């Protein structure tokens, strides 16, 4: 007469095997989701930059004070990254211009002690999103 394993031992072995497989699958799924989320975040930033657009709505320059009104023409918020001024000899001067230009909004920026310039560029954290203007456009 042959004896098999007891039903209790068989149940414990089945439960242990099921829990081991569940643990392995949970570890794999966590790693998979984390990798996909990181890739999606990078893609989202690139996509947001593709949808970004802003312009110089108006401006004035008087007695070394430059006032710029920028218009964000899309719903994507833009982080400003600096103002670059070129004089008549094409010498570059960088001014601090930071802040968030909220989507579909106008925002005014006042800069003091700005020397004469012929051309200027406002840059954002999106590499291909900037606006250029000349001295004539703000006087």
N, C-alpha and C. Protein backbone atom coordinates (compact mmCIF):
# COMPACT_ATOMS: atom_id res chain seq x y z
N UNK A 1 0.83 -1.16 0.00
CA UNK A 1 0.00 0.00 0.00
C UNK A 1 0.89 1.25 0.00
N UNK A 2 0.53 2.19 -0.89
CA UNK A 2 1.34 3.41 -0.97
C UNK A 2 0.58 4.56 -0.33
N UNK A 3 1.37 5.40 0.25
CA UNK A 3 0.78 6.58 0.86
C UNK A 3 1.29 7.82 0.12
N UNK A 4 0.43 8.81 -0.08
CA UNK A 4 0.80 10.10 -0.68
C UNK A 4 1.06 11.11 0.44
N UNK A 5 1.26 12.35 0.02
CA UNK A 5 1.46 13.39 1.03
C UNK A 5 0.10 13.77 1.59
N UNK A 6 0.11 14.24 2.77
CA UNK A 6 -1.17 14.57 3.41
C UNK A 6 -1.76 15.82 2.76
N UNK A 7 -3.07 15.94 2.78
CA UNK A 7 -3.72 17.09 2.19
C UNK A 7 -3.26 18.41 2.83
N UNK A 8 -2.93 18.40 4.09
CA UNK A 8 -2.47 19.61 4.76
C UNK A 8 -1.13 20.06 4.21
N UNK A 9 -0.20 19.13 4.04
CA UNK A 9 1.12 19.46 3.48
C UNK A 9 0.96 19.93 2.04
N UNK A 10 0.11 19.30 1.27
CA UNK A 10 -0.12 19.70 -0.11
C UNK A 10 -0.68 21.13 -0.17
N UNK A 11 -1.59 21.46 0.72
CA UNK A 11 -2.17 22.80 0.74
C UNK A 11 -1.10 23.83 1.09
N UNK A 12 -0.25 23.54 2.06
CA UNK A 12 0.83 24.46 2.45
C UNK A 12 1.79 24.67 1.28
N UNK A 13 2.15 23.61 0.58
CA UNK A 13 3.06 23.72 -0.56
C UNK A 13 2.43 24.57 -1.67
N UNK A 14 1.13 24.35 -1.95
CA UNK A 14 0.44 25.15 -2.98
C UNK A 14 0.38 26.62 -2.60
N UNK A 15 0.10 26.91 -1.33
CA UNK A 15 0.04 28.30 -0.88
C UNK A 15 1.42 28.94 -0.97
N UNK A 16 2.47 28.25 -0.56
CA UNK A 16 3.83 28.77 -0.62
C UNK A 16 4.24 29.05 -2.07
N UNK A 17 3.92 28.12 -2.98
CA UNK A 17 4.26 28.31 -4.39
C UNK A 17 3.51 29.51 -4.95
N UNK A 18 2.23 29.64 -4.63
CA UNK A 18 1.43 30.76 -5.12
C UNK A 18 1.98 32.09 -4.61
N UNK A 19 2.34 32.14 -3.32
CA UNK A 19 2.88 33.37 -2.75
C UNK A 19 4.23 33.73 -3.37
N UNK A 20 5.06 32.75 -3.66
CA UNK A 20 6.36 33.00 -4.30
C UNK A 20 6.17 33.59 -5.69
N UNK A 21 5.28 33.00 -6.45
CA UNK A 21 5.00 33.50 -7.81
C UNK A 21 4.42 34.92 -7.73
N UNK A 22 3.53 35.16 -6.78
CA UNK A 22 2.94 36.49 -6.62
C UNK A 22 4.02 37.51 -6.26
N UNK A 23 4.95 37.15 -5.41
CA UNK A 23 6.05 38.06 -5.03
C UNK A 23 6.94 38.40 -6.21
N UNK A 24 7.27 37.39 -7.00
CA UNK A 24 8.10 37.61 -8.20
C UNK A 24 7.38 38.53 -9.18
N UNK A 25 6.12 38.29 -9.44
CA UNK A 25 5.34 39.13 -10.35
C UNK A 25 5.19 40.56 -9.83
N UNK A 26 5.00 40.72 -8.52
CA UNK A 26 4.87 42.06 -7.94
C UNK A 26 6.18 42.83 -8.09
N UNK A 27 7.31 42.18 -7.87
CA UNK A 27 8.61 42.83 -8.03
C UNK A 27 8.81 43.25 -9.49
N UNK A 28 8.51 42.35 -10.41
CA UNK A 28 8.65 42.67 -11.83
C UNK A 28 7.73 43.83 -12.24
N UNK A 29 6.48 43.79 -11.79
CA UNK A 29 5.52 44.83 -12.16
C UNK A 29 5.95 46.19 -11.61
N UNK A 30 6.46 46.22 -10.39
CA UNK A 30 6.93 47.47 -9.80
C UNK A 30 8.07 48.06 -10.61
N UNK A 31 9.04 47.24 -10.97
CA UNK A 31 10.17 47.71 -11.78
C UNK A 31 9.70 48.19 -13.14
N UNK A 32 8.79 47.46 -13.74
CA UNK A 32 8.26 47.80 -15.06
C UNK A 32 7.54 49.15 -15.03
N UNK A 33 6.68 49.34 -14.05
CA UNK A 33 5.91 50.59 -13.94
C UNK A 33 6.85 51.76 -13.66
N UNK A 34 7.82 51.58 -12.78
CA UNK A 34 8.76 52.65 -12.46
C UNK A 34 9.53 53.08 -13.71
N UNK A 35 9.99 52.15 -14.50
CA UNK A 35 10.71 52.46 -15.74
C UNK A 35 9.81 53.21 -16.70
N UNK A 36 8.59 52.75 -16.86
CA UNK A 36 7.65 53.40 -17.78
C UNK A 36 7.29 54.81 -17.33
N UNK A 37 7.13 55.03 -16.03
CA UNK A 37 6.80 56.36 -15.52
C UNK A 37 7.94 57.35 -15.77
N UNK A 38 9.17 56.90 -15.55
CA UNK A 38 10.32 57.76 -15.81
C UNK A 38 10.37 58.16 -17.27
N UNK A 39 10.16 57.20 -18.16
CA UNK A 39 10.16 57.50 -19.59
C UNK A 39 9.02 58.44 -19.95
N UNK A 40 7.86 58.25 -19.34
CA UNK A 40 6.70 59.10 -19.62
C UNK A 40 6.93 60.52 -19.14
N UNK A 41 7.59 60.70 -17.99
CA UNK A 41 7.87 62.04 -17.49
C UNK A 41 8.78 62.79 -18.45
N UNK A 42 9.81 62.12 -18.96
CA UNK A 42 10.72 62.75 -19.92
C UNK A 42 9.98 63.12 -21.19
N UNK A 43 9.13 62.26 -21.66
CA UNK A 43 8.36 62.52 -22.87
C UNK A 43 7.38 63.67 -22.65
N UNK A 44 6.79 63.74 -21.46
CA UNK A 44 5.85 64.81 -21.16
C UNK A 44 6.53 66.17 -21.23
N UNK A 45 7.74 66.29 -20.67
CA UNK A 45 8.47 67.55 -20.73
C UNK A 45 8.76 67.94 -22.17
N UNK A 46 9.20 66.98 -22.97
CA UNK A 46 9.49 67.27 -24.37
C UNK A 46 8.22 67.67 -25.11
N UNK A 47 7.12 67.00 -24.85
CA UNK A 47 5.85 67.31 -25.48
C UNK A 47 5.36 68.68 -25.07
N UNK A 48 5.52 69.02 -23.79
CA UNK A 48 5.11 70.34 -23.33
C UNK A 48 5.91 71.42 -24.04
N UNK A 49 7.20 71.19 -24.23
CA UNK A 49 8.02 72.17 -24.93
C UNK A 49 7.59 72.30 -26.39
N UNK A 50 7.17 71.22 -27.01
CA UNK A 50 6.71 71.29 -28.39
C UNK A 50 5.44 72.13 -28.51
N UNK A 51 4.64 72.14 -27.46
CA UNK A 51 3.36 72.87 -27.50
C UNK A 51 3.51 74.30 -26.99
N UNK A 52 4.71 74.72 -26.59
CA UNK A 52 4.90 76.04 -25.98
C UNK A 52 5.11 77.12 -27.03
N UNK A 53 4.56 78.30 -26.75
CA UNK A 53 4.73 79.45 -27.64
C UNK A 53 4.39 80.71 -26.86
N UNK A 54 5.26 81.73 -26.97
CA UNK A 54 4.96 83.00 -26.35
C UNK A 54 5.50 84.12 -27.22
N UNK A 55 5.10 85.35 -26.90
CA UNK A 55 5.53 86.48 -27.71
C UNK A 55 5.65 87.72 -26.83
N UNK A 56 6.33 88.72 -27.38
CA UNK A 56 6.40 90.02 -26.74
C UNK A 56 5.11 90.75 -27.07
N UNK A 57 4.27 90.95 -26.08
CA UNK A 57 2.99 91.62 -26.28
C UNK A 57 3.22 93.13 -26.41
N UNK A 58 4.02 93.67 -25.50
CA UNK A 58 4.39 95.08 -25.59
C UNK A 58 5.63 95.30 -24.74
N UNK A 59 6.21 96.48 -24.88
CA UNK A 59 7.38 96.78 -24.08
C UNK A 59 7.74 98.24 -24.19
N UNK A 60 8.56 98.69 -23.24
CA UNK A 60 9.06 100.05 -23.29
C UNK A 60 10.46 100.09 -22.70
N UNK A 61 11.25 101.04 -23.18
CA UNK A 61 12.61 101.21 -22.69
C UNK A 61 12.84 102.70 -22.51
N UNK A 62 13.12 103.11 -21.28
CA UNK A 62 13.32 104.51 -20.99
C UNK A 62 14.26 104.65 -19.80
N UNK A 63 15.34 105.40 -19.99
CA UNK A 63 16.25 105.71 -18.90
C UNK A 63 16.75 104.45 -18.18
N UNK A 64 17.23 103.49 -18.94
CA UNK A 64 17.80 102.22 -18.46
C UNK A 64 16.79 101.31 -17.77
N UNK A 65 15.50 101.58 -17.93
CA UNK A 65 14.47 100.68 -17.41
C UNK A 65 13.76 100.02 -18.58
N UNK A 66 13.79 98.71 -18.59
CA UNK A 66 13.14 97.93 -19.64
C UNK A 66 11.91 97.25 -19.05
N UNK A 67 10.76 97.51 -19.64
CA UNK A 67 9.52 96.87 -19.22
C UNK A 67 9.03 96.00 -20.36
N UNK A 68 8.86 94.72 -20.07
CA UNK A 68 8.39 93.76 -21.07
C UNK A 68 7.07 93.17 -20.61
N UNK A 69 6.11 93.09 -21.51
CA UNK A 69 4.87 92.37 -21.25
C UNK A 69 4.88 91.19 -22.20
N UNK A 70 4.98 90.00 -21.63
CA UNK A 70 5.06 88.77 -22.41
C UNK A 70 3.72 88.06 -22.38
N UNK A 71 3.35 87.48 -23.51
CA UNK A 71 2.08 86.75 -23.62
C UNK A 71 2.37 85.29 -23.91
N UNK A 72 1.92 84.42 -23.02
CA UNK A 72 2.00 82.98 -23.26
C UNK A 72 0.80 82.61 -24.11
N UNK A 73 1.04 82.10 -25.29
CA UNK A 73 -0.03 81.83 -26.25
C UNK A 73 -0.55 80.40 -26.19
N UNK A 74 -0.08 79.64 -25.26
CA UNK A 74 -0.54 78.26 -25.11
C UNK A 74 -0.90 78.02 -23.65
N UNK A 75 -1.44 76.84 -23.36
CA UNK A 75 -1.87 76.51 -22.00
C UNK A 75 -0.73 75.96 -21.15
N UNK A 76 0.46 75.79 -21.72
CA UNK A 76 1.61 75.24 -21.02
C UNK A 76 2.34 76.35 -20.28
N UNK A 77 2.60 76.17 -18.99
CA UNK A 77 3.39 77.14 -18.24
C UNK A 77 4.83 77.11 -18.72
N UNK A 78 5.45 78.30 -18.81
CA UNK A 78 6.84 78.40 -19.26
C UNK A 78 7.71 78.98 -18.16
N UNK A 79 8.86 78.37 -17.94
CA UNK A 79 9.84 78.89 -17.00
C UNK A 79 10.84 79.73 -17.78
N UNK A 80 10.92 81.02 -17.45
CA UNK A 80 11.87 81.90 -18.12
C UNK A 80 13.27 81.63 -17.60
N UNK A 81 14.24 81.78 -18.49
CA UNK A 81 15.60 81.37 -18.16
C UNK A 81 16.63 82.47 -18.37
N UNK A 82 16.22 83.67 -18.78
CA UNK A 82 17.18 84.75 -18.92
C UNK A 82 16.86 85.67 -20.08
N UNK A 83 17.47 86.85 -20.05
CA UNK A 83 17.34 87.85 -21.10
C UNK A 83 18.74 88.13 -21.61
N UNK A 84 18.93 88.05 -22.91
CA UNK A 84 20.22 88.27 -23.53
C UNK A 84 20.13 89.49 -24.43
N UNK A 85 20.99 90.47 -24.15
CA UNK A 85 20.97 91.74 -24.87
C UNK A 85 22.24 91.87 -25.71
N UNK A 86 22.08 92.35 -26.94
CA UNK A 86 23.21 92.58 -27.83
C UNK A 86 23.28 94.07 -28.15
N UNK A 87 24.49 94.65 -28.04
CA UNK A 87 24.63 96.06 -28.38
C UNK A 87 25.00 96.21 -29.85
N UNK A 88 25.29 97.47 -30.27
CA UNK A 88 25.57 97.72 -31.69
C UNK A 88 26.82 97.02 -32.18
N UNK A 89 27.73 96.63 -31.27
CA UNK A 89 28.94 95.89 -31.63
C UNK A 89 28.76 94.39 -31.50
N UNK A 90 27.52 93.98 -31.26
CA UNK A 90 27.16 92.57 -31.09
C UNK A 90 27.77 91.96 -29.83
N UNK A 91 28.02 92.80 -28.81
CA UNK A 91 28.52 92.33 -27.52
C UNK A 91 27.32 91.89 -26.68
N UNK A 92 27.44 90.71 -26.13
CA UNK A 92 26.34 90.09 -25.37
C UNK A 92 26.39 90.48 -23.90
N UNK A 93 25.23 90.85 -23.36
CA UNK A 93 25.05 91.07 -21.93
C UNK A 93 23.87 90.22 -21.47
N UNK A 94 24.06 89.53 -20.36
CA UNK A 94 22.98 88.69 -19.83
C UNK A 94 22.34 89.36 -18.63
N UNK A 95 21.02 89.42 -18.64
CA UNK A 95 20.26 89.97 -17.52
C UNK A 95 19.47 88.83 -16.88
N UNK A 96 19.24 88.94 -15.59
CA UNK A 96 18.46 87.93 -14.89
C UNK A 96 16.98 88.18 -15.16
N UNK A 97 16.35 87.22 -15.77
CA UNK A 97 14.91 87.26 -16.02
C UNK A 97 14.38 85.86 -15.76
N UNK A 98 13.81 85.67 -14.59
CA UNK A 98 13.30 84.37 -14.22
C UNK A 98 11.86 84.50 -13.77
N UNK A 99 11.20 83.40 -13.69
CA UNK A 99 9.81 83.37 -13.25
C UNK A 99 9.01 82.47 -14.15
N UNK A 100 7.76 82.30 -13.79
CA UNK A 100 6.87 81.44 -14.56
C UNK A 100 5.90 82.31 -15.34
N UNK A 101 5.82 82.02 -16.62
CA UNK A 101 4.83 82.67 -17.48
C UNK A 101 3.69 81.67 -17.63
N UNK A 102 2.61 81.90 -16.88
CA UNK A 102 1.51 80.94 -16.84
C UNK A 102 0.81 80.86 -18.19
N UNK A 103 0.23 79.70 -18.45
CA UNK A 103 -0.44 79.44 -19.71
C UNK A 103 -1.57 80.41 -20.00
N UNK A 104 -1.63 80.87 -21.24
CA UNK A 104 -2.68 81.77 -21.73
C UNK A 104 -2.80 83.04 -20.89
N UNK A 105 -1.67 83.58 -20.44
CA UNK A 105 -1.68 84.77 -19.60
C UNK A 105 -0.66 85.79 -20.11
N UNK A 106 -0.86 87.03 -19.69
CA UNK A 106 0.12 88.10 -19.88
C UNK A 106 0.84 88.32 -18.56
N UNK A 107 2.12 88.67 -18.64
CA UNK A 107 2.85 88.99 -17.42
C UNK A 107 3.87 90.08 -17.73
N UNK A 108 3.99 91.03 -16.81
CA UNK A 108 4.91 92.15 -16.98
C UNK A 108 6.20 91.89 -16.20
N UNK A 109 7.32 92.28 -16.80
CA UNK A 109 8.63 92.15 -16.16
C UNK A 109 9.33 93.50 -16.25
N UNK A 110 9.81 94.00 -15.12
CA UNK A 110 10.53 95.27 -15.06
C UNK A 110 11.99 95.00 -14.76
N UNK A 111 12.88 95.50 -15.61
CA UNK A 111 14.31 95.34 -15.40
C UNK A 111 14.94 96.73 -15.34
N UNK A 112 15.80 96.95 -14.36
CA UNK A 112 16.46 98.25 -14.23
C UNK A 112 17.94 98.10 -14.57
N UNK A 113 18.60 99.23 -14.77
CA UNK A 113 20.03 99.27 -15.12
C UNK A 113 20.34 98.48 -16.39
N UNK A 114 19.46 98.59 -17.37
CA UNK A 114 19.67 97.92 -18.65
C UNK A 114 20.32 98.92 -19.60
N UNK A 115 21.51 98.59 -20.09
CA UNK A 115 22.23 99.46 -21.01
C UNK A 115 21.63 99.37 -22.41
N UNK A 116 22.00 100.34 -23.25
CA UNK A 116 21.48 100.36 -24.62
C UNK A 116 21.73 99.03 -25.32
N UNK A 117 20.81 98.65 -26.15
CA UNK A 117 20.91 97.39 -26.88
C UNK A 117 20.27 97.58 -28.25
N UNK A 118 20.60 96.70 -29.16
CA UNK A 118 19.97 96.72 -30.48
C UNK A 118 19.02 95.54 -30.67
N UNK A 119 19.37 94.42 -30.04
CA UNK A 119 18.56 93.21 -30.16
C UNK A 119 18.55 92.50 -28.82
N UNK A 120 17.45 91.80 -28.53
CA UNK A 120 17.35 91.05 -27.28
C UNK A 120 16.64 89.73 -27.52
N UNK A 121 16.95 88.75 -26.67
CA UNK A 121 16.31 87.43 -26.74
C UNK A 121 15.90 87.03 -25.33
N UNK A 122 14.63 86.65 -25.17
CA UNK A 122 14.15 86.09 -23.91
C UNK A 122 14.13 84.57 -24.10
N UNK A 123 14.86 83.86 -23.25
CA UNK A 123 14.95 82.40 -23.34
C UNK A 123 14.11 81.75 -22.25
N UNK A 124 13.68 80.52 -22.54
CA UNK A 124 12.95 79.71 -21.58
C UNK A 124 13.74 78.43 -21.32
N UNK A 125 13.26 77.62 -20.40
CA UNK A 125 13.93 76.34 -20.13
C UNK A 125 13.70 75.33 -21.25
N UNK A 126 12.75 75.59 -22.12
CA UNK A 126 12.57 74.78 -23.32
C UNK A 126 13.58 75.29 -24.35
N UNK A 127 14.48 74.46 -24.81
CA UNK A 127 15.59 74.94 -25.64
C UNK A 127 15.18 75.69 -26.91
N UNK A 128 14.11 75.29 -27.55
CA UNK A 128 13.73 75.90 -28.82
C UNK A 128 12.63 76.95 -28.68
N UNK A 129 12.31 77.35 -27.46
CA UNK A 129 11.24 78.31 -27.24
C UNK A 129 11.84 79.60 -26.69
N UNK A 130 11.85 80.63 -27.52
CA UNK A 130 12.38 81.93 -27.13
C UNK A 130 11.68 82.99 -27.97
N UNK A 131 11.91 84.24 -27.60
CA UNK A 131 11.35 85.34 -28.38
C UNK A 131 12.46 86.39 -28.56
N UNK A 132 12.58 86.89 -29.78
CA UNK A 132 13.54 87.93 -30.10
C UNK A 132 12.81 89.22 -30.38
N UNK A 133 13.45 90.33 -29.99
CA UNK A 133 12.89 91.63 -30.32
C UNK A 133 14.02 92.63 -30.45
N UNK A 134 13.73 93.76 -31.05
CA UNK A 134 14.74 94.78 -31.27
C UNK A 134 14.44 96.00 -30.40
N UNK A 135 15.43 96.88 -30.32
CA UNK A 135 15.29 98.13 -29.58
C UNK A 135 14.10 98.91 -30.11
N UNK A 136 13.92 98.93 -31.41
CA UNK A 136 12.83 99.69 -32.03
C UNK A 136 11.45 99.19 -31.59
N UNK A 137 11.34 97.93 -31.24
CA UNK A 137 10.04 97.38 -30.85
C UNK A 137 9.62 97.79 -29.44
N UNK A 138 10.55 98.30 -28.64
CA UNK A 138 10.22 98.66 -27.26
C UNK A 138 10.44 100.14 -26.97
N UNK A 139 10.68 100.94 -27.98
CA UNK A 139 10.85 102.38 -27.73
C UNK A 139 9.70 103.15 -28.34
